[in-house]
Protein backbone atom coordinates (compact mmCIF):
# COMPACT_ATOMS: atom_id res chain seq x y z
CA UNK A 1 0.12 0.00 -0.28
CA UNK A 2 1.11 3.62 -0.67
CA UNK A 3 2.51 5.74 1.97
CA UNK A 4 0.98 9.10 2.43
CA UNK A 5 3.46 11.78 3.95
CA UNK A 6 1.68 14.74 5.86
CA UNK A 7 4.15 16.05 6.13
CA UNK A 8 5.22 16.62 2.64
CA UNK A 9 1.55 17.79 1.41
CA UNK A 10 1.19 20.24 4.34
CA UNK A 11 4.81 22.00 3.60
CA UNK A 12 3.67 22.22 -0.29
CA UNK A 13 0.54 23.76 1.23
CA UNK A 14 2.31 26.35 3.07
CA UNK A 15 4.22 27.32 -0.05
CA UNK A 16 1.65 28.07 -2.35
CA UNK A 17 -0.75 29.64 0.39
CA UNK A 18 2.40 31.62 0.93
CA UNK A 19 2.75 32.44 -2.06
CA UNK A 20 -0.77 33.83 -3.25
CA UNK A 21 -0.48 35.62 0.38
CA UNK A 22 2.06 37.52 -1.15
CA UNK A 23 0.30 37.54 -4.39
CA UNK A 24 -2.48 39.60 -2.83
CA UNK A 25 -0.54 42.32 -1.67
CA UNK A 26 -0.03 43.31 -5.56
CA UNK A 27 -3.57 44.29 -5.77
CA UNK A 28 -3.55 45.93 -2.05
CA UNK A 29 -0.84 47.72 -2.78
CA UNK A 30 -2.61 49.23 -6.48
CA UNK A 31 -5.61 49.72 -4.19
CA UNK A 32 -3.43 52.10 -1.68
CA UNK A 33 -1.87 53.90 -4.80
CA UNK A 34 -5.20 54.73 -6.30
CA UNK A 35 -6.81 56.06 -2.98
CA UNK A 36 -8.91 53.61 -3.30
CA UNK A 37 -10.74 52.04 -0.05
CA UNK A 38 -11.06 48.74 -0.19
CA UNK A 39 -7.12 47.88 0.02
CA UNK A 40 -8.17 45.77 3.17
CA UNK A 41 -9.76 43.23 1.34
CA UNK A 42 -6.30 42.58 -0.10
CA UNK A 43 -3.90 42.97 2.65
CA UNK A 44 -5.73 41.16 5.32
CA UNK A 45 -5.69 37.71 3.87
CA UNK A 46 -2.52 38.70 2.31
CA UNK A 47 -0.53 39.09 5.22
CA UNK A 48 -3.11 36.08 6.90
CA UNK A 49 -1.84 33.78 4.15
CA UNK A 50 1.87 34.65 4.17
CA UNK A 51 2.97 34.67 7.69
CA UNK A 52 1.51 30.88 8.70
CA UNK A 53 2.19 30.28 5.38
CA UNK A 54 6.05 30.55 5.93
CA UNK A 55 6.23 29.60 9.07
CA UNK A 56 4.72 26.21 8.57
CA UNK A 57 6.77 26.10 5.49
CA UNK A 58 9.89 26.19 7.47
CA UNK A 59 8.73 24.33 10.43
CA UNK A 60 7.87 21.00 7.94
CA UNK A 61 10.66 21.38 5.55
CA UNK A 62 13.37 18.75 5.47
CA UNK A 63 16.66 19.39 3.79
CA UNK A 64 16.85 15.15 3.46
CA UNK A 65 15.93 13.97 0.08
CA UNK A 66 14.06 10.37 -0.06
CA UNK A 67 11.73 8.85 -1.73
CA UNK A 68 7.88 10.11 -2.01
CA UNK A 69 4.81 7.84 -2.88
CA UNK A 70 2.91 8.90 -5.79
CA UNK A 71 -0.02 8.53 -3.84
CA UNK A 72 1.65 12.31 -1.91
CA UNK A 73 2.14 14.04 -4.57
CA UNK A 74 -1.04 13.53 -6.95
CA UNK A 75 -3.02 14.14 -3.46
CA UNK A 76 -0.42 17.05 -2.84
CA UNK A 77 -1.47 18.27 -6.67
CA UNK A 78 -4.86 18.39 -5.65
CA UNK A 79 -4.82 19.89 -1.90
CA UNK A 80 -2.46 23.06 -3.51
CA UNK A 81 -5.14 23.87 -6.40
CA UNK A 82 -7.61 23.38 -3.84
CA UNK A 83 -5.92 25.55 -1.21
CA UNK A 84 -5.13 28.64 -3.51
CA UNK A 85 -8.97 28.30 -4.83
CA UNK A 86 -9.68 28.84 -1.58
CA UNK A 87 -7.17 31.84 -0.24
CA UNK A 88 -7.72 33.40 -3.47
CA UNK A 89 -12.01 33.52 -2.60
CA UNK A 90 -11.71 35.52 0.47
CA UNK A 91 -11.05 38.87 -1.26
CA UNK A 92 -14.38 38.55 -3.29
CA UNK A 93 -15.89 37.45 -0.27
CA UNK A 94 -14.84 40.51 1.82
CA UNK A 95 -16.36 42.75 -0.96
CA UNK A 96 -19.36 42.17 0.52
CA UNK A 97 -21.26 41.04 -2.62
CA UNK A 98 -20.69 37.48 -3.21
CA UNK A 99 -21.46 34.33 -1.00
CA UNK A 100 -18.90 31.64 -0.27
CA UNK A 101 -20.04 29.63 -3.25
CA UNK A 102 -19.76 32.42 -5.74
CA UNK A 103 -16.52 33.52 -4.86
CA UNK A 104 -14.92 30.12 -4.27
CA UNK A 105 -16.53 29.63 -7.87
CA UNK A 106 -14.96 32.77 -9.02
CA UNK A 107 -11.59 32.50 -7.51
CA UNK A 108 -11.15 28.70 -9.48
CA UNK A 109 -12.21 30.29 -12.57
CA UNK A 110 -9.43 32.84 -11.82
CA UNK A 111 -6.39 30.09 -10.92
CA UNK A 112 -7.48 27.25 -13.17
CA UNK A 113 -7.64 30.25 -16.32
CA UNK A 114 -11.30 29.09 -16.98
CA UNK A 115 -12.35 32.74 -16.97
CA UNK A 116 -15.88 31.65 -16.06
CA UNK A 117 -17.77 34.85 -13.53
CA UNK A 118 -21.05 35.51 -11.64
CA UNK A 119 -20.35 39.35 -12.08
CA UNK A 120 -19.65 41.63 -15.04
CA UNK A 121 -16.39 43.45 -14.43
CA UNK A 122 -18.10 46.70 -13.86
CA UNK A 123 -19.33 45.70 -10.71
CA UNK A 124 -15.74 45.10 -9.73
CA UNK A 125 -13.26 47.63 -8.61
CA UNK A 126 -9.96 48.13 -10.03
CA UNK A 127 -8.11 46.13 -7.70
CA UNK A 128 -10.47 43.28 -7.80
CA UNK A 129 -10.20 43.34 -11.36
CA UNK A 130 -6.62 43.48 -11.17
CA UNK A 131 -6.91 40.32 -8.50
CA UNK A 132 -8.64 38.18 -11.02
CA UNK A 133 -6.31 38.77 -14.03
CA UNK A 134 -3.38 38.43 -11.60
CA UNK A 135 -5.10 34.72 -10.29
CA UNK A 136 -5.23 33.62 -13.90
CA UNK A 137 -1.77 34.48 -14.65
CA UNK A 138 -0.56 32.83 -11.50
CA UNK A 139 -2.65 29.63 -12.61
CA UNK A 140 -1.62 30.03 -16.14
CA UNK A 141 1.95 28.74 -15.40
CA UNK A 142 0.86 26.61 -13.08
CA UNK A 143 0.92 26.85 -8.79
CA UNK A 144 2.83 23.16 -8.95
CA UNK A 145 5.28 24.54 -11.95
CA UNK A 146 6.04 27.52 -9.73
CA UNK A 147 6.34 25.40 -6.43
CA UNK A 148 8.95 23.24 -7.77
CA UNK A 149 11.55 25.89 -8.29
CA UNK A 150 11.67 25.84 -4.17
CA UNK A 151 10.82 21.70 -4.34
CA UNK A 152 14.63 21.12 -3.17
CA UNK A 153 14.27 23.23 -0.21
CA UNK A 154 11.42 21.03 0.77
CA UNK A 155 13.15 18.05 0.78
CA UNK A 156 12.07 15.91 -1.88
CA UNK A 157 12.45 14.91 -6.05
CA UNK A 158 10.94 17.76 -8.26
CA UNK A 159 10.48 15.48 -11.02
CA UNK A 160 7.23 13.53 -9.77
CA UNK A 161 5.54 17.16 -9.28
CA UNK A 162 6.39 17.80 -12.86
CA UNK A 163 5.03 14.45 -13.79
CA UNK A 164 2.10 15.01 -12.12
CA UNK A 165 1.40 18.80 -13.29
CA UNK A 166 1.96 17.98 -16.74
CA UNK A 167 -0.10 15.14 -17.40
CA UNK A 168 0.66 15.24 -21.33
CA UNK A 169 0.80 12.34 -23.46
CA UNK A 170 4.54 12.84 -24.61
CA UNK A 171 6.63 13.84 -22.07
CA UNK A 172 10.18 15.87 -23.56
CA UNK A 173 12.49 17.19 -20.63
CA UNK A 174 12.52 20.88 -21.82
CA UNK A 175 16.08 20.67 -20.31
CA UNK A 176 17.59 18.34 -18.18
CA UNK A 177 17.03 19.20 -14.49
CA UNK A 178 13.53 20.60 -13.41
CA UNK A 179 15.09 23.93 -11.98
CA UNK A 180 16.49 24.60 -15.22
CA UNK A 181 13.25 23.75 -16.80
CA UNK A 182 10.75 25.89 -14.42
CA UNK A 183 13.84 28.95 -15.39
CA UNK A 184 12.88 28.39 -19.26
CA UNK A 185 8.74 28.57 -18.34
CA UNK A 186 9.68 31.67 -16.35
CA UNK A 187 11.73 33.25 -18.91
CA UNK A 188 9.27 32.44 -21.64
CA UNK A 189 6.24 33.55 -19.51
CA UNK A 190 7.56 36.72 -18.15
CA UNK A 191 8.87 37.61 -21.24
CA UNK A 192 5.35 37.02 -23.33
CA UNK A 193 4.03 39.24 -20.54
CA UNK A 194 6.06 42.04 -20.26
CA UNK A 195 6.34 41.94 -24.45
CA UNK A 196 1.92 41.81 -24.19
CA UNK A 197 1.78 44.83 -21.51
CA UNK A 198 4.41 47.34 -24.27
CA UNK A 199 2.79 46.14 -27.33
CA UNK A 200 -0.97 46.90 -26.25
CA UNK A 201 0.23 49.88 -24.70
CA UNK A 202 1.53 50.85 -28.32
CA UNK A 203 -1.73 49.58 -29.57
CA UNK A 204 -3.47 52.64 -28.04
CA UNK A 205 -4.38 50.83 -24.69
CA UNK A 206 -4.03 52.67 -21.07
CA UNK A 207 -1.78 51.01 -18.81
CA UNK A 208 -4.37 49.65 -16.61
CA UNK A 209 -5.94 47.67 -18.88
CA UNK A 210 -2.86 46.76 -20.84
CA UNK A 211 -1.40 44.88 -17.68
CA UNK A 212 -5.03 43.35 -17.46
CA UNK A 213 -4.79 42.16 -20.68
CA UNK A 214 -1.57 40.98 -21.29
CA UNK A 215 -1.89 38.74 -17.82
CA UNK A 216 -5.27 36.99 -19.42
CA UNK A 217 -3.96 37.03 -22.79
CA UNK A 218 -0.60 35.06 -21.87
CA UNK A 219 -2.58 32.89 -19.29
CA UNK A 220 -5.02 31.98 -22.11
CA UNK A 221 -7.69 32.93 -19.35
CA UNK A 222 -9.61 35.51 -20.41
CA UNK A 223 -10.59 37.87 -17.92
CA UNK A 224 -11.58 41.69 -19.30
CA UNK A 225 -12.15 44.96 -17.55
CA UNK A 226 -15.11 45.54 -19.69
CA UNK A 227 -18.23 43.39 -20.37
CA UNK A 228 -17.87 44.24 -24.28
CA UNK A 229 -14.26 42.43 -23.77
CA UNK A 230 -11.97 43.04 -26.53
CA UNK A 231 -14.82 44.77 -28.72
CA UNK A 232 -15.10 47.96 -26.25
CA UNK A 233 -11.79 49.08 -28.07
CA UNK A 234 -12.86 48.04 -31.51
CA UNK A 235 -9.18 48.55 -32.61
CA UNK A 236 -7.60 46.54 -35.20
CA UNK A 237 -4.14 47.10 -33.47
CA UNK A 238 -5.29 46.02 -30.20
CA UNK A 239 -6.94 42.70 -31.94
CA UNK A 240 -3.88 42.29 -34.18
CA UNK A 241 -1.63 41.85 -30.86
CA UNK A 242 -4.11 40.16 -28.71
CA UNK A 243 -4.27 37.31 -31.28
CA UNK A 244 -0.86 37.20 -31.49
CA UNK A 245 -0.10 37.11 -27.81
CA UNK A 246 -2.86 34.01 -27.67
CA UNK A 247 -1.49 32.01 -30.50
CA UNK A 248 1.65 32.14 -28.71
CA UNK A 249 0.62 31.75 -25.66
CA UNK A 250 -0.79 28.11 -26.51
CA UNK A 251 1.81 27.10 -28.09
CA UNK A 252 4.21 24.17 -25.85
CA UNK A 253 6.12 26.54 -24.12
CA UNK A 254 9.10 23.62 -24.66
CA UNK A 255 8.66 24.57 -28.55
CA UNK A 256 10.49 28.05 -27.85
CA UNK A 257 13.60 26.43 -25.96
CA UNK A 258 13.51 23.71 -28.65
CA UNK A 259 13.67 26.84 -31.69
CA UNK A 260 16.50 28.77 -29.54
CA UNK A 261 18.53 25.71 -28.73
CA UNK A 262 18.30 23.47 -32.25
CA UNK A 263 16.84 26.47 -34.50
CA UNK A 264 13.62 27.60 -35.72
CA UNK A 265 12.98 24.61 -38.80
CA UNK A 266 13.31 22.06 -35.96
CA UNK A 267 10.67 23.50 -33.64
CA UNK A 268 8.30 24.52 -37.16
CA UNK A 269 8.16 21.11 -38.07
CA UNK A 270 6.70 20.05 -34.68
CA UNK A 271 3.60 17.50 -35.31
CA UNK A 272 1.58 19.05 -33.09
CA UNK A 273 2.53 22.89 -33.25
CA UNK A 274 1.23 22.91 -37.06
CA UNK A 275 -1.66 20.78 -36.18
CA UNK A 276 -2.30 23.44 -33.64
CA UNK A 277 -2.01 25.90 -36.24
CA UNK A 278 -3.28 24.13 -38.76
CA UNK A 279 -6.35 24.19 -36.85
CA UNK A 280 -6.93 27.84 -36.08
CA UNK A 281 -6.03 28.65 -40.04
CA UNK A 282 -8.46 26.49 -40.95
CA UNK A 283 -11.31 27.45 -38.80
CA UNK A 284 -10.48 31.18 -39.76
CA UNK A 285 -10.76 30.35 -43.46
CA UNK A 286 -14.59 28.51 -42.89
CA UNK A 287 -15.47 31.01 -41.17
CA UNK A 288 -14.78 33.64 -43.10
CA UNK A 289 -16.26 32.13 -45.89
CA UNK A 290 -19.66 31.16 -43.58
CA UNK A 291 -19.76 34.75 -42.45
CA UNK A 292 -19.13 36.21 -46.10
CA UNK A 293 -21.49 34.30 -47.61
CA UNK A 294 -24.63 34.54 -45.67
CA UNK A 295 -23.99 38.54 -45.55
CA UNK A 296 -23.51 38.57 -41.83
CA UNK A 297 -20.46 40.62 -42.34
CA UNK A 298 -20.70 44.03 -43.80
CA UNK A 299 -17.35 43.22 -45.64
CA UNK A 300 -14.69 40.34 -46.94
CA UNK A 301 -11.93 41.95 -44.47
CA UNK A 302 -14.18 42.10 -41.42
CA UNK A 303 -15.56 38.42 -41.67
CA UNK A 304 -11.72 37.98 -41.64
CA UNK A 305 -10.50 39.92 -38.86
CA UNK A 306 -13.92 38.75 -36.62
CA UNK A 307 -12.92 34.93 -37.75
CA UNK A 308 -9.40 35.34 -37.42
CA UNK A 309 -9.74 36.58 -33.50
CA UNK A 310 -12.48 34.49 -32.53
CA UNK A 311 -10.75 31.28 -34.17
CA UNK A 312 -7.46 32.47 -32.03
CA UNK A 313 -9.30 33.07 -28.73
CA UNK A 314 -11.68 29.57 -28.51
CA UNK A 315 -8.90 27.25 -29.97
CA UNK A 316 -6.75 28.79 -27.06
CA UNK A 317 -9.85 28.72 -24.12
CA UNK A 318 -9.08 32.60 -23.90
CA UNK A 319 -12.31 33.44 -24.94
CA UNK A 320 -11.96 37.25 -25.44
CA UNK A 321 -14.79 38.40 -28.01
CA UNK A 322 -15.23 40.96 -30.35
CA UNK A 323 -18.39 39.87 -31.64
CA UNK A 324 -21.13 37.60 -30.33
CA UNK A 325 -20.73 34.79 -32.00
CA UNK A 326 -23.20 32.94 -30.75
CA UNK A 327 -25.40 35.30 -33.03
CA UNK A 328 -23.51 33.54 -36.12
CA UNK A 329 -24.26 31.29 -38.76
CA UNK A 330 -25.02 27.71 -36.94
CA UNK A 331 -21.91 26.40 -39.35
CA UNK A 332 -19.21 29.16 -37.67
CA UNK A 333 -20.97 28.37 -34.19
CA UNK A 334 -20.51 24.77 -34.31
CA UNK A 335 -17.07 25.11 -35.78
CA UNK A 336 -16.47 26.95 -32.83
CA UNK A 337 -17.61 24.49 -30.42
CA UNK A 338 -15.63 22.41 -32.00
CA UNK A 339 -12.11 23.81 -31.90
CA UNK A 340 -12.60 24.80 -28.07
CA UNK A 341 -13.11 21.06 -27.58
CA UNK A 342 -9.77 20.71 -29.19
CA UNK A 343 -7.78 22.91 -27.73
CA UNK A 344 -4.16 23.96 -27.59
CA UNK A 345 -0.72 22.96 -27.51
CA UNK A 346 0.01 20.64 -24.20
CA UNK A 347 2.31 22.26 -22.14
CA UNK A 348 0.69 25.36 -22.91
CA UNK A 349 -1.66 27.39 -20.54
CA UNK A 350 -4.80 26.50 -23.08
CA UNK A 351 -7.69 23.98 -22.10
CA UNK A 352 -9.37 21.34 -24.05
CA UNK A 353 -8.10 17.88 -24.54
CA UNK A 354 -4.79 19.31 -26.25
CA UNK A 355 -3.92 19.50 -30.28
CA UNK A 356 -1.85 16.75 -29.49
CA UNK A 357 -4.59 14.02 -28.60
CA UNK A 358 -6.16 15.01 -31.05
CA UNK A 359 -3.56 14.62 -33.83
CA UNK A 360 -2.67 11.07 -32.37
CA UNK A 361 -6.43 10.10 -32.10
CA UNK A 362 -7.04 10.82 -35.70
CA UNK A 363 -3.52 8.89 -37.26
CA UNK A 364 -5.02 5.96 -34.48
CA UNK A 365 -8.44 5.92 -36.64
CA UNK A 366 -6.69 6.59 -39.87
CA UNK A 367 -4.33 3.50 -39.10
CA UNK A 368 -7.14 1.50 -37.62
CA UNK A 369 -9.12 2.25 -41.21
CA UNK A 370 -5.86 0.77 -43.10
CA UNK A 371 -5.63 -2.10 -41.06
CA UNK A 372 -9.30 -3.03 -41.90
CA UNK A 373 -8.31 -2.98 -46.14
CA UNK A 374 -4.97 -4.40 -45.14
CA UNK A 375 -5.24 -6.82 -42.01
CA UNK A 376 -1.20 -8.06 -42.02
CA UNK A 377 0.01 -4.72 -42.03
CA UNK A 378 2.03 -3.61 -39.26
CA UNK A 379 1.22 0.23 -38.79
CA UNK A 380 3.09 1.60 -35.69
CA UNK A 381 1.63 4.81 -34.41
CA UNK A 382 4.58 7.41 -35.18
CA UNK A 383 4.97 10.94 -33.75
CA UNK A 384 7.85 12.74 -35.60
CA UNK A 385 10.42 10.23 -36.31
CA UNK A 386 9.63 8.01 -33.20
CA UNK A 387 7.34 5.16 -33.32
CA UNK A 388 4.84 5.65 -30.00
CA UNK A 389 4.60 2.40 -27.75
CA UNK A 390 1.21 0.49 -27.39
CA UNK A 391 0.39 2.14 -23.76
CA UNK A 392 0.61 5.30 -24.91
CA UNK A 393 -1.45 4.90 -27.63
CA UNK A 394 -4.10 3.26 -25.19
CA UNK A 395 -3.62 6.40 -23.10
CA UNK A 396 -4.94 8.52 -25.18
CA UNK A 397 -7.84 6.40 -26.42
CA UNK A 398 -8.64 6.15 -22.70
CA UNK A 399 -8.06 9.97 -22.01
CA UNK A 400 -10.80 10.83 -24.85
CA UNK A 401 -13.30 8.02 -23.26
CA UNK A 402 -12.65 9.50 -19.79
CA UNK A 403 -12.92 13.26 -21.36
CA UNK A 404 -16.56 12.19 -22.94
CA UNK A 405 -17.66 10.51 -19.80
CA UNK A 406 -16.64 13.17 -17.58
CA UNK A 407 -18.85 16.02 -19.34
CA UNK A 408 -21.68 13.50 -19.61
CA UNK A 409 -21.40 13.08 -15.50
CA UNK A 410 -21.15 16.70 -15.21
CA UNK A 411 -23.96 17.51 -17.40
CA UNK A 412 -26.25 15.16 -15.50
CA UNK A 413 -25.18 16.34 -12.19
CA UNK A 414 -26.25 19.76 -13.14
CA UNK A 415 -29.30 18.93 -14.39
CA UNK A 416 -30.19 17.09 -11.18
CA UNK A 417 -30.59 20.98 -10.00
CA UNK A 418 -33.30 21.63 -12.18
CA UNK A 419 -31.04 23.53 -14.73
CA UNK A 420 -32.29 23.29 -18.50
CA UNK A 421 -30.27 20.60 -20.32
CA UNK A 422 -28.82 23.60 -22.59
CA UNK A 423 -27.17 25.61 -20.18
CA UNK A 424 -26.09 22.32 -18.16
CA UNK A 425 -24.45 20.89 -21.23
CA UNK A 426 -22.95 24.45 -21.97
CA UNK A 427 -21.74 25.57 -18.60
CA UNK A 428 -20.04 21.56 -18.20
CA UNK A 429 -18.18 22.02 -21.75
CA UNK A 430 -17.28 25.37 -20.69
CA UNK A 431 -15.79 24.35 -17.33
CA UNK A 432 -14.10 21.12 -18.38
CA UNK A 433 -12.44 22.63 -21.16
CA UNK A 434 -11.03 25.38 -19.14
CA UNK A 435 -12.66 28.15 -21.82
CA UNK A 436 -15.69 29.31 -19.59
CA UNK A 437 -17.96 30.59 -22.12
CA UNK A 438 -20.10 28.53 -24.90
CA UNK A 439 -23.29 29.46 -27.42
CA UNK A 440 -25.80 31.84 -25.58
CA UNK A 441 -23.07 32.89 -22.40
CA UNK A 442 -20.75 35.41 -24.71
CA UNK A 443 -20.40 37.65 -22.49
CA UNK A 444 -23.11 37.20 -20.11
CA UNK A 445 -22.32 37.01 -16.42
CA UNK A 446 -25.83 35.53 -15.70
CA UNK A 447 -25.01 32.36 -17.34
CA UNK A 448 -23.22 31.46 -14.22
CA UNK A 449 -24.95 33.40 -11.67
CA UNK A 450 -28.38 32.40 -12.15
CA UNK A 451 -27.11 28.75 -11.08
CA UNK A 452 -27.58 26.84 -7.92
CA UNK A 453 -24.79 26.72 -5.59
CA UNK A 454 -24.74 23.24 -6.03
CA UNK A 455 -24.43 23.40 -9.48
CA UNK A 456 -21.48 26.46 -9.27
CA UNK A 457 -19.59 24.05 -6.79
CA UNK A 458 -20.18 20.97 -9.74
CA UNK A 459 -18.54 23.55 -11.89
CA UNK A 460 -15.43 24.51 -10.02
CA UNK A 461 -14.98 20.93 -9.80
CA UNK A 462 -14.76 20.26 -13.86
CA UNK A 463 -12.49 23.27 -13.79
CA UNK A 464 -9.85 21.48 -11.38
CA UNK A 465 -10.57 18.47 -13.71
CA UNK A 466 -9.54 20.09 -16.88
CA UNK A 467 -7.01 22.30 -15.36
CA UNK A 468 -5.01 19.03 -14.37
CA UNK A 469 -6.25 16.92 -17.10
CA UNK A 470 -8.49 15.13 -15.67
CA UNK A 471 -6.61 11.48 -14.20
CA UNK A 472 -4.84 13.62 -11.94
CA UNK A 473 -7.85 14.20 -9.98
CA UNK A 474 -9.84 11.05 -10.87
CA UNK A 475 -6.66 8.31 -9.92
CA UNK A 476 -6.95 9.90 -6.29
CA UNK A 477 -10.83 8.01 -6.38
CA UNK A 478 -9.09 4.87 -7.11
CA UNK A 479 -8.93 2.19 -4.56
CA UNK A 480 -6.53 0.38 -6.44
CA UNK A 481 -4.19 3.32 -6.65
CA UNK A 482 -3.98 3.28 -2.86
CA UNK A 483 -3.20 -0.09 -2.96
CA UNK A 484 -0.10 0.07 -5.58
C-alpha cells in the first residue's frame, strides 16, 4: 500500500498559500496607490496567508531527499490547487457582494484560467479586476510549476511533481534538470507578459487595461475589464496584438526552447504545433467564408478580422470576444465549439483536449481503417521520427473516453438542480475545457450567476479536472491506486 507523507503535503500547501498571500499584496498596493478604500480586503488575507504559510513551510521543511510515494504527490497537487482557490476567494467574500460559493467559483475560475464569472467587470473595483487577472496569470504557469522552483528546499524530488502537473501524452523534458526547466518557462512566460503590456500600450490601451489584458492573454484566461471584452476597444491593432499573444500562449512552451537551441526549422516541424496552427487557420478560413456568404459581415475584411480573432481566442480557451459569435450562422458556431474542445498545445496555458491528443486520435483512426483494408500490415503509431509505445496509444484513447464520460456525468449532475439541458451542457463543457464560455453565454455573467450553489460547486470541480487534465484528480478515487 502506498505511504502518505502528511509532512510533504502540508509543506507544499504552506508554500503555495504563502505565495498566494504574497500575490494578494499586489492589488493591495495598487488600491493604496489609487487611493481606493478596498485595500484591506487584500492585505488582510494576504498577511494572514503569508506569515503562517512561511512559518509552517519552515517547520515542515526537510533538507533530506528521499522517496515520496505517488499517492502523496498526486494528493498534494490537488490539495494545493484547492488551497489556492480557497485563499484567492477571500477578497471576493470580503468585498461584501458574493456568498462563499460564488467567491470560490470566481476564484477557481481565475486560478484554473477558465475565466467564468458570476459578476460583470463593472461590478468590481479596479483592484479586484487586477486580482482576477493576476490569479489567472499565476494559474497559467501553474501553482505546482512555481512550487517546483523551491521543491529542493522541501527535500523531495521535483521531477515527480512535474510529472503530476504536466499529465500530457508525450513528455519531453525542456532541459535535463527540473529547476532549469522552471527557469526557461518563467523567462518565456514573463517575457510574453512584459512584451504583451508594451505592445498593447503601443496599440492604444491605457496602462491599467494593458496590464490586465496582458495577464489574461498570456494565461489564456480571458478575464476582461469591460463587459464588451476586446470589442470595447474597436481597434485592429489591439485585436492583432491580442491574437498574436493568444496564439503564442497556446503553443507548447518547450517549442520556444527547441527553437532557441536547435533552430526554428526543428520547432516549426513539430507535429503538434502544425496541428494547432492548422486548426486555427482552417477554422478562420471556413468561418470567414461562412460569414461572408451569409452576409453576416459588412465586408470580407471584417469577416476575416472577426473569424481570425474568435478562432484564436476559442482554440486557446481564452474566450475574449470582439462580437457575439453565438449569433453567427450555425456552421460557424458549431465549428467554434469544435475548436474549443480541441484546444491548444500540451505544455501551454490553453485548455481543451490538446492538439497532440487530437492528432494522435486522428492518426490512430486512420491506421485502424488502413488495417481493415490490409489486415497483415504492421503500422506503429508514429510521432515525428519516433514509433510510440502501445501504452501511449491506449492512454490517448482512454483519455478521450474519460473526457466524454466526465462531460456527460457533469452535465447530468447539473441537470439534477433543475437547470435546462442546454445550459447544463454548455456550462459543463465550458468549465471542463477551461474556456468559460459557450453559445448563449458570450459576455454574460448571468449564465453562471443564475445557477444554484450546488451546480456552481460541480462546475468548480470540473474546472479543476480540466486544468489538471482529468487523471491527476480521478486517480485519487481509485482504490487500486492507494493499494499500489
